[in-house]
């Protein structure tokens, strides 16, 4: 009889261990309610937006140096472009003085996120 009690004790321990193991593994496999449904399709990361390129219109003309900010290095000039009377800030070339005129090309944004015109000095007018 004593052997039967020991066998039943081992059997209960084995059943208890199996029940606890099943319980713990079941809890571990439950989805976290804060994270949502685990069977749902995983959320796809949005592709990084590429910056939209700018389209530029180009025009030739004359740029006159109106002012020089000598506190900056290199000095920054305020240029007025004709035709169109655009004011553009651009680094002043060496030896340029207020009132000097340059053949220039201005690029104005036509579309895209660009909002400032770009000025390119070609050659001084003498």
N, C-alpha and C. Protein backbone atom coordinates (compact mmCIF):
# COMPACT_ATOMS: atom_id res chain seq x y z
N UNK A 1 0.81 -1.17 0.00
CA UNK A 1 0.00 0.00 0.00
C UNK A 1 0.86 1.24 0.00
N UNK A 2 1.94 1.20 0.72
CA UNK A 2 2.85 2.33 0.80
C UNK A 2 3.43 2.65 -0.58
N UNK A 3 3.72 1.63 -1.38
CA UNK A 3 4.26 1.85 -2.72
C UNK A 3 3.23 2.52 -3.60
N UNK A 4 1.96 2.19 -3.40
CA UNK A 4 0.88 2.78 -4.19
C UNK A 4 0.74 4.27 -3.87
N UNK A 5 0.92 4.65 -2.60
CA UNK A 5 0.82 6.05 -2.20
C UNK A 5 1.98 6.84 -2.79
N UNK A 6 3.19 6.25 -2.81
CA UNK A 6 4.35 6.94 -3.39
C UNK A 6 4.15 7.13 -4.88
N UNK A 7 3.58 6.11 -5.53
CA UNK A 7 3.37 6.19 -6.97
C UNK A 7 2.34 7.27 -7.29
N UNK A 8 1.27 7.32 -6.47
CA UNK A 8 0.24 8.33 -6.69
C UNK A 8 0.80 9.73 -6.41
N UNK A 9 1.70 9.89 -5.45
CA UNK A 9 2.33 11.17 -5.15
C UNK A 9 3.17 11.65 -6.32
N UNK A 10 3.93 10.70 -6.93
CA UNK A 10 4.75 11.07 -8.09
C UNK A 10 3.85 11.43 -9.27
N UNK A 11 2.75 10.69 -9.40
CA UNK A 11 1.82 10.93 -10.50
C UNK A 11 1.20 12.32 -10.36
N UNK A 12 0.79 12.67 -9.13
CA UNK A 12 0.21 14.00 -8.91
C UNK A 12 1.22 15.10 -9.17
N UNK A 13 2.46 14.87 -8.76
CA UNK A 13 3.51 15.86 -9.01
C UNK A 13 3.75 16.03 -10.50
N UNK A 14 3.74 14.92 -11.22
CA UNK A 14 3.95 14.99 -12.66
C UNK A 14 2.79 15.71 -13.33
N UNK A 15 1.56 15.41 -12.90
CA UNK A 15 0.39 16.08 -13.47
C UNK A 15 0.41 17.56 -13.11
N UNK A 16 0.77 17.87 -11.86
CA UNK A 16 0.85 19.26 -11.43
C UNK A 16 1.92 20.01 -12.21
N UNK A 17 3.08 19.40 -12.41
CA UNK A 17 4.15 20.03 -13.17
C UNK A 17 3.73 20.26 -14.61
N UNK A 18 3.05 19.26 -15.21
CA UNK A 18 2.58 19.38 -16.58
C UNK A 18 1.53 20.48 -16.70
N UNK A 19 0.64 20.58 -15.70
CA UNK A 19 -0.40 21.61 -15.72
C UNK A 19 0.23 23.00 -15.60
N UNK A 20 1.19 23.15 -14.70
CA UNK A 20 1.86 24.44 -14.55
C UNK A 20 2.64 24.82 -15.81
N UNK A 21 3.31 23.85 -16.40
CA UNK A 21 4.06 24.10 -17.63
C UNK A 21 3.12 24.55 -18.75
N UNK A 22 1.98 23.89 -18.86
CA UNK A 22 0.99 24.26 -19.88
C UNK A 22 0.44 25.66 -19.61
N UNK A 23 0.16 25.95 -18.36
CA UNK A 23 -0.37 27.26 -17.99
C UNK A 23 0.62 28.37 -18.33
N UNK A 24 1.89 28.16 -17.94
CA UNK A 24 2.90 29.18 -18.21
C UNK A 24 3.15 29.36 -19.70
N UNK A 25 3.17 28.26 -20.43
CA UNK A 25 3.41 28.39 -21.87
C UNK A 25 2.22 29.03 -22.56
N UNK A 26 1.02 28.79 -22.07
CA UNK A 26 -0.18 29.41 -22.65
C UNK A 26 -0.17 30.91 -22.39
N UNK A 27 0.25 31.34 -21.20
CA UNK A 27 0.31 32.76 -20.89
C UNK A 27 1.37 33.46 -21.73
N UNK A 28 2.45 32.76 -21.98
CA UNK A 28 3.51 33.36 -22.76
C UNK A 28 3.12 33.54 -24.22
N UNK A 29 2.18 32.72 -24.70
CA UNK A 29 1.80 32.82 -26.10
C UNK A 29 0.61 33.74 -26.33
N UNK A 30 0.02 34.31 -25.28
CA UNK A 30 -1.10 35.22 -25.45
C UNK A 30 -0.59 36.56 -25.98
N UNK A 31 -1.33 37.20 -26.88
CA UNK A 31 -0.88 38.50 -27.39
C UNK A 31 -1.02 39.57 -26.31
N UNK A 32 -0.15 40.54 -26.38
CA UNK A 32 -0.19 41.65 -25.44
C UNK A 32 -1.33 42.58 -25.86
N UNK A 33 -2.32 42.82 -24.98
CA UNK A 33 -3.45 43.66 -25.38
C UNK A 33 -3.04 45.08 -25.73
N UNK A 34 -1.94 45.57 -25.18
CA UNK A 34 -1.50 46.93 -25.49
C UNK A 34 -0.92 47.03 -26.89
N UNK A 35 -0.41 45.91 -27.41
CA UNK A 35 0.21 45.94 -28.73
C UNK A 35 -0.78 45.66 -29.84
N UNK A 36 -1.97 45.21 -29.52
CA UNK A 36 -2.97 44.94 -30.53
C UNK A 36 -2.96 43.48 -30.92
N UNK A 37 -3.67 43.17 -31.99
CA UNK A 37 -3.83 41.79 -32.46
C UNK A 37 -2.55 41.32 -33.13
N UNK A 38 -2.01 40.20 -32.64
CA UNK A 38 -0.75 39.70 -33.21
C UNK A 38 -0.97 38.99 -34.52
N UNK A 39 -2.23 38.59 -34.83
CA UNK A 39 -2.51 37.92 -36.09
C UNK A 39 -2.69 38.91 -37.23
N UNK A 40 -2.83 40.17 -36.91
CA UNK A 40 -3.01 41.19 -37.95
C UNK A 40 -1.71 41.32 -38.74
N UNK A 41 -1.85 41.78 -39.95
CA UNK A 41 -0.66 41.97 -40.80
C UNK A 41 0.24 43.01 -40.14
N UNK A 42 1.53 42.76 -40.18
CA UNK A 42 2.44 43.72 -39.56
C UNK A 42 2.37 45.07 -40.28
N UNK A 43 2.45 46.12 -39.50
CA UNK A 43 2.39 47.46 -40.09
C UNK A 43 3.63 47.70 -40.92
N UNK A 44 3.42 48.16 -42.12
CA UNK A 44 4.55 48.44 -43.00
C UNK A 44 5.04 49.85 -42.74
N UNK A 45 6.33 49.96 -42.68
CA UNK A 45 6.91 51.28 -42.49
C UNK A 45 6.70 52.08 -43.77
N UNK A 46 6.32 53.31 -43.60
CA UNK A 46 6.12 54.16 -44.77
C UNK A 46 7.48 54.43 -45.40
N UNK A 47 7.56 54.34 -46.71
CA UNK A 47 8.84 54.62 -47.34
C UNK A 47 9.23 56.08 -47.11
N UNK A 48 10.50 56.29 -46.94
CA UNK A 48 10.98 57.64 -46.73
C UNK A 48 10.65 58.48 -47.96
N UNK A 49 10.08 59.64 -47.70
CA UNK A 49 9.73 60.50 -48.82
C UNK A 49 10.99 61.10 -49.43
N UNK A 50 11.09 60.93 -50.72
CA UNK A 50 12.23 61.54 -51.41
C UNK A 50 11.92 63.01 -51.63
N UNK A 51 12.92 63.85 -51.46
CA UNK A 51 12.66 65.26 -51.72
C UNK A 51 12.30 65.45 -53.19
N UNK A 52 11.27 66.21 -53.41
CA UNK A 52 10.82 66.45 -54.77
C UNK A 52 11.80 67.41 -55.43
N UNK A 53 12.28 67.08 -56.62
CA UNK A 53 13.23 67.97 -57.27
C UNK A 53 12.55 69.27 -57.71
N UNK A 54 13.34 70.29 -57.81
CA UNK A 54 12.83 71.59 -58.23
C UNK A 54 12.98 71.71 -59.74
N UNK A 55 12.03 72.35 -60.35
CA UNK A 55 12.14 72.71 -61.77
C UNK A 55 12.49 74.20 -61.81
N UNK A 56 13.48 74.52 -62.60
CA UNK A 56 13.98 75.89 -62.63
C UNK A 56 13.79 76.49 -64.02
N UNK A 57 13.40 77.77 -64.05
CA UNK A 57 13.40 78.55 -65.27
C UNK A 57 14.65 79.41 -65.26
N UNK A 58 15.23 79.64 -66.41
CA UNK A 58 16.51 80.34 -66.47
C UNK A 58 16.39 81.55 -67.38
N UNK A 59 17.02 82.67 -66.98
CA UNK A 59 16.98 83.88 -67.78
C UNK A 59 18.32 84.59 -67.68
N UNK A 60 18.78 85.09 -68.83
CA UNK A 60 20.02 85.87 -68.86
C UNK A 60 19.70 87.35 -68.69
N UNK A 61 20.62 88.07 -68.05
CA UNK A 61 20.42 89.50 -67.85
C UNK A 61 21.64 90.13 -67.23
N UNK A 62 21.40 91.18 -66.47
CA UNK A 62 22.48 91.94 -65.82
C UNK A 62 22.17 92.02 -64.33
N UNK A 63 23.21 91.82 -63.52
CA UNK A 63 23.07 91.94 -62.07
C UNK A 63 23.94 93.10 -61.60
N UNK A 64 23.35 93.98 -60.78
CA UNK A 64 24.08 95.12 -60.23
C UNK A 64 24.29 94.90 -58.74
N UNK A 65 25.50 95.16 -58.27
CA UNK A 65 25.82 95.02 -56.85
C UNK A 65 25.34 96.27 -56.12
N UNK A 66 24.37 96.08 -55.23
CA UNK A 66 23.79 97.22 -54.50
C UNK A 66 24.47 97.48 -53.17
N UNK A 67 24.89 96.44 -52.47
CA UNK A 67 25.50 96.60 -51.15
C UNK A 67 26.37 95.38 -50.85
N UNK A 68 27.36 95.61 -49.97
CA UNK A 68 28.26 94.53 -49.55
C UNK A 68 28.26 94.45 -48.03
N UNK A 69 28.01 93.27 -47.49
CA UNK A 69 28.09 93.03 -46.05
C UNK A 69 29.49 92.51 -45.76
N UNK A 70 30.36 93.42 -45.33
CA UNK A 70 31.76 93.05 -45.09
C UNK A 70 31.97 92.37 -43.74
N UNK A 71 30.92 92.32 -42.90
CA UNK A 71 31.05 91.65 -41.61
C UNK A 71 31.09 90.14 -41.78
N UNK A 72 30.66 89.64 -42.91
CA UNK A 72 30.68 88.20 -43.17
C UNK A 72 31.96 87.83 -43.90
N UNK A 73 32.32 86.59 -43.76
CA UNK A 73 33.49 86.07 -44.48
C UNK A 73 33.07 84.84 -45.24
N UNK A 74 33.06 84.77 -46.51
CA UNK A 74 33.37 85.83 -47.47
C UNK A 74 32.24 86.86 -47.51
N UNK A 75 32.55 88.08 -47.98
CA UNK A 75 31.54 89.16 -48.00
C UNK A 75 30.32 88.76 -48.83
N UNK A 76 29.15 89.14 -48.30
CA UNK A 76 27.89 88.81 -48.96
C UNK A 76 27.36 90.07 -49.63
N UNK A 77 27.02 89.94 -50.92
CA UNK A 77 26.51 91.08 -51.67
C UNK A 77 25.02 91.00 -51.88
N UNK A 78 24.39 92.16 -51.96
CA UNK A 78 22.99 92.26 -52.35
C UNK A 78 22.97 92.65 -53.82
N UNK A 79 22.39 91.79 -54.64
CA UNK A 79 22.40 91.97 -56.09
C UNK A 79 20.98 92.21 -56.58
N UNK A 80 20.85 93.11 -57.57
CA UNK A 80 19.57 93.33 -58.22
C UNK A 80 19.71 92.85 -59.66
N UNK A 81 18.83 91.95 -60.04
CA UNK A 81 18.89 91.35 -61.38
C UNK A 81 17.86 92.03 -62.29
N UNK A 82 18.32 92.38 -63.50
CA UNK A 82 17.44 92.95 -64.53
C UNK A 82 17.43 92.02 -65.72
N UNK A 83 16.37 91.74 -66.39
CA UNK A 83 15.02 92.23 -66.15
C UNK A 83 14.37 91.47 -65.00
N UNK A 84 13.46 92.14 -64.34
CA UNK A 84 12.68 91.49 -63.30
C UNK A 84 12.83 92.10 -61.93
N UNK A 85 13.88 92.86 -61.68
CA UNK A 85 14.09 93.50 -60.38
C UNK A 85 14.15 92.53 -59.21
N UNK A 86 14.67 91.33 -59.42
CA UNK A 86 14.85 90.38 -58.32
C UNK A 86 16.01 90.82 -57.45
N UNK A 87 15.85 90.71 -56.13
CA UNK A 87 16.96 90.94 -55.21
C UNK A 87 17.46 89.58 -54.74
N UNK A 88 18.77 89.37 -54.88
CA UNK A 88 19.38 88.08 -54.54
C UNK A 88 20.63 88.36 -53.71
N UNK A 89 20.85 87.50 -52.71
CA UNK A 89 22.05 87.61 -51.88
C UNK A 89 23.04 86.55 -52.33
N UNK A 90 24.25 87.00 -52.65
CA UNK A 90 25.27 86.12 -53.20
C UNK A 90 26.64 86.60 -52.76
N UNK A 91 27.57 85.68 -52.61
CA UNK A 91 28.93 86.03 -52.25
C UNK A 91 29.50 87.01 -53.29
N UNK A 92 30.17 88.02 -52.80
CA UNK A 92 30.73 89.04 -53.68
C UNK A 92 32.08 88.58 -54.22
N UNK A 93 32.29 88.67 -55.54
CA UNK A 93 33.59 88.29 -56.09
C UNK A 93 34.69 89.26 -55.63
N UNK A 94 35.91 88.79 -55.61
CA UNK A 94 37.05 89.63 -55.21
C UNK A 94 37.15 90.82 -56.16
N UNK A 95 37.35 91.99 -55.58
CA UNK A 95 37.52 93.21 -56.37
C UNK A 95 36.23 93.87 -56.79
N UNK A 96 35.09 93.34 -56.43
CA UNK A 96 33.81 93.94 -56.81
C UNK A 96 33.46 95.08 -55.86
N UNK A 97 32.91 96.16 -56.41
CA UNK A 97 32.49 97.32 -55.62
C UNK A 97 31.01 97.59 -55.86
N UNK A 98 30.41 98.34 -54.93
CA UNK A 98 29.01 98.72 -55.08
C UNK A 98 28.85 99.47 -56.39
N UNK A 99 27.83 99.12 -57.15
CA UNK A 99 27.57 99.77 -58.44
C UNK A 99 28.09 98.96 -59.62
N UNK A 100 28.95 97.96 -59.37
CA UNK A 100 29.47 97.12 -60.46
C UNK A 100 28.33 96.29 -61.06
N UNK A 101 28.43 96.08 -62.37
CA UNK A 101 27.42 95.27 -63.07
C UNK A 101 28.09 94.06 -63.69
N UNK A 102 27.35 92.95 -63.68
CA UNK A 102 27.86 91.68 -64.21
C UNK A 102 26.82 91.08 -65.14
N UNK A 103 27.31 90.45 -66.21
CA UNK A 103 26.40 89.59 -66.96
C UNK A 103 26.07 88.44 -66.03
N UNK A 104 24.82 88.03 -66.02
CA UNK A 104 24.41 87.02 -65.04
C UNK A 104 23.29 86.17 -65.61
N UNK A 105 23.09 85.05 -64.95
CA UNK A 105 21.97 84.14 -65.24
C UNK A 105 21.24 83.92 -63.93
N UNK A 106 19.93 84.14 -63.97
CA UNK A 106 19.12 83.88 -62.78
C UNK A 106 18.27 82.64 -63.04
N UNK A 107 18.17 81.82 -62.02
CA UNK A 107 17.31 80.64 -62.08
C UNK A 107 16.19 80.85 -61.07
N UNK A 108 14.96 80.82 -61.58
CA UNK A 108 13.79 80.99 -60.71
C UNK A 108 13.07 79.65 -60.59
N UNK A 109 12.60 79.32 -59.39
CA UNK A 109 11.88 78.04 -59.23
C UNK A 109 10.52 78.09 -59.94
N UNK A 110 10.23 77.03 -60.69
CA UNK A 110 8.94 76.91 -61.36
C UNK A 110 8.01 76.00 -60.57
N UNK A 111 8.57 74.93 -60.00
CA UNK A 111 7.78 73.99 -59.19
C UNK A 111 8.70 73.29 -58.22
N UNK A 112 8.10 72.65 -57.25
CA UNK A 112 8.88 71.94 -56.24
C UNK A 112 9.00 72.77 -54.98
N UNK A 113 9.75 72.27 -54.01
CA UNK A 113 9.84 72.92 -52.71
C UNK A 113 10.78 74.13 -52.68
N UNK A 114 11.47 74.42 -53.76
CA UNK A 114 12.43 75.52 -53.77
C UNK A 114 11.69 76.85 -53.87
N UNK A 115 12.16 77.84 -53.11
CA UNK A 115 11.45 79.11 -53.10
C UNK A 115 12.34 80.31 -53.38
N UNK A 116 13.65 80.15 -53.41
CA UNK A 116 14.55 81.28 -53.61
C UNK A 116 15.20 81.19 -54.99
N UNK A 117 15.26 82.30 -55.71
CA UNK A 117 15.98 82.29 -56.97
C UNK A 117 17.48 82.15 -56.73
N UNK A 118 18.16 81.60 -57.73
CA UNK A 118 19.63 81.44 -57.65
C UNK A 118 20.26 82.30 -58.73
N UNK A 119 21.32 82.97 -58.38
CA UNK A 119 22.01 83.86 -59.31
C UNK A 119 23.40 83.34 -59.59
N UNK A 120 23.79 83.37 -60.86
CA UNK A 120 25.14 82.98 -61.26
C UNK A 120 25.74 84.11 -62.06
N UNK A 121 26.84 84.65 -61.55
CA UNK A 121 27.53 85.74 -62.24
C UNK A 121 28.39 85.14 -63.34
N UNK A 122 28.32 85.73 -64.54
CA UNK A 122 29.07 85.20 -65.68
C UNK A 122 30.37 85.98 -65.89
N UNK A 123 30.26 87.29 -66.04
CA UNK A 123 31.45 88.12 -66.28
C UNK A 123 31.10 89.57 -65.97
N UNK A 124 32.09 90.36 -65.55
CA UNK A 124 31.82 91.77 -65.28
C UNK A 124 31.59 92.54 -66.59
N UNK A 125 30.74 93.56 -66.51
CA UNK A 125 30.54 94.47 -67.64
C UNK A 125 31.48 95.64 -67.44
N UNK A 126 32.19 96.01 -68.49
CA UNK A 126 33.13 97.14 -68.36
C UNK A 126 32.66 98.32 -69.14
